[in-house]
Protein backbone atom coordinates (compact mmCIF):
# COMPACT_ATOMS: atom_id res chain seq x y z
CA MET A 1 79.11 51.65 170.67
CA GLY A 2 75.50 52.21 171.35
CA ILE A 3 73.47 55.30 170.68
CA ALA A 4 73.39 56.15 174.44
CA SER A 5 77.16 55.97 174.67
CA LYS A 6 77.56 58.35 171.69
CA ALA A 7 74.99 60.74 173.16
CA GLY A 8 76.86 60.66 176.46
CA ASP A 9 80.14 61.41 174.67
CA TRP A 10 78.70 64.31 172.81
CA THR A 11 77.10 65.65 175.98
CA PHE A 12 80.37 65.54 177.79
CA LYS A 13 82.24 67.13 174.88
CA ALA A 14 79.62 69.94 174.70
CA PHE A 15 79.82 70.51 178.41
CA THR A 16 83.66 70.58 178.40
CA ALA A 17 83.64 72.97 175.47
CA GLY A 18 81.17 75.18 177.40
CA LEU A 19 83.44 75.20 180.39
CA GLY A 20 86.43 76.17 178.20
CA VAL A 21 84.52 79.05 176.55
CA THR A 22 83.33 80.22 179.94
CA THR A 23 86.78 80.17 181.36
CA ILE A 24 88.21 82.15 178.51
CA TYR A 25 85.27 84.70 178.74
CA LEU A 26 85.76 85.14 182.50
CA ALA A 27 89.55 85.54 182.13
CA ALA A 28 89.08 88.21 179.47
CA THR A 29 86.46 90.19 181.37
CA PHE A 30 88.48 89.96 184.56
CA SER A 31 91.53 91.43 182.76
CA VAL A 32 89.42 94.17 181.31
CA ASN A 33 87.88 94.98 184.74
CA VAL A 34 91.38 95.13 186.37
CA TYR A 35 92.55 97.49 183.65
CA ARG A 36 89.48 99.71 184.11
CA GLY A 37 89.90 99.71 187.86
CA LEU A 38 93.54 100.68 187.67
CA SER A 39 92.74 103.43 185.13
CA TRP A 40 89.98 104.74 187.40
CA HIS A 41 92.31 104.64 190.43
CA ASN A 42 95.07 106.56 188.53
CA ALA A 43 92.52 109.20 187.47
CA GLN A 44 91.32 109.64 191.04
CA SER A 45 94.94 110.05 192.20
CA LYS A 46 95.59 112.71 189.60
CA MET A 47 92.40 114.59 190.63
CA ASP A 48 93.46 114.36 194.31
CA LYS A 49 96.85 115.82 193.55
CA GLN A 50 95.34 118.63 191.47
CA ASP A 51 92.85 119.45 194.26
CA ALA A 52 95.71 119.45 196.79
CA GLY A 53 97.67 121.81 194.55
CA GLU A 54 94.82 124.28 194.20
CA GLN A 55 94.10 124.35 197.88
CA SER A 56 97.71 125.15 198.81
CA ALA A 57 98.11 127.89 196.26
């Protein structure tokens, strides 16, 4: 194998590893954002129920 072939192999491996790390990062941040969104939505629902209870009393 020539030097250019080895350099190409290392470039491909680095690129593939970068894609893998990026995929894991995006999956993790997506999961965190879904959790935060659901938490926020539940908090809003509780506040709406409390507001409705105060207005009818």
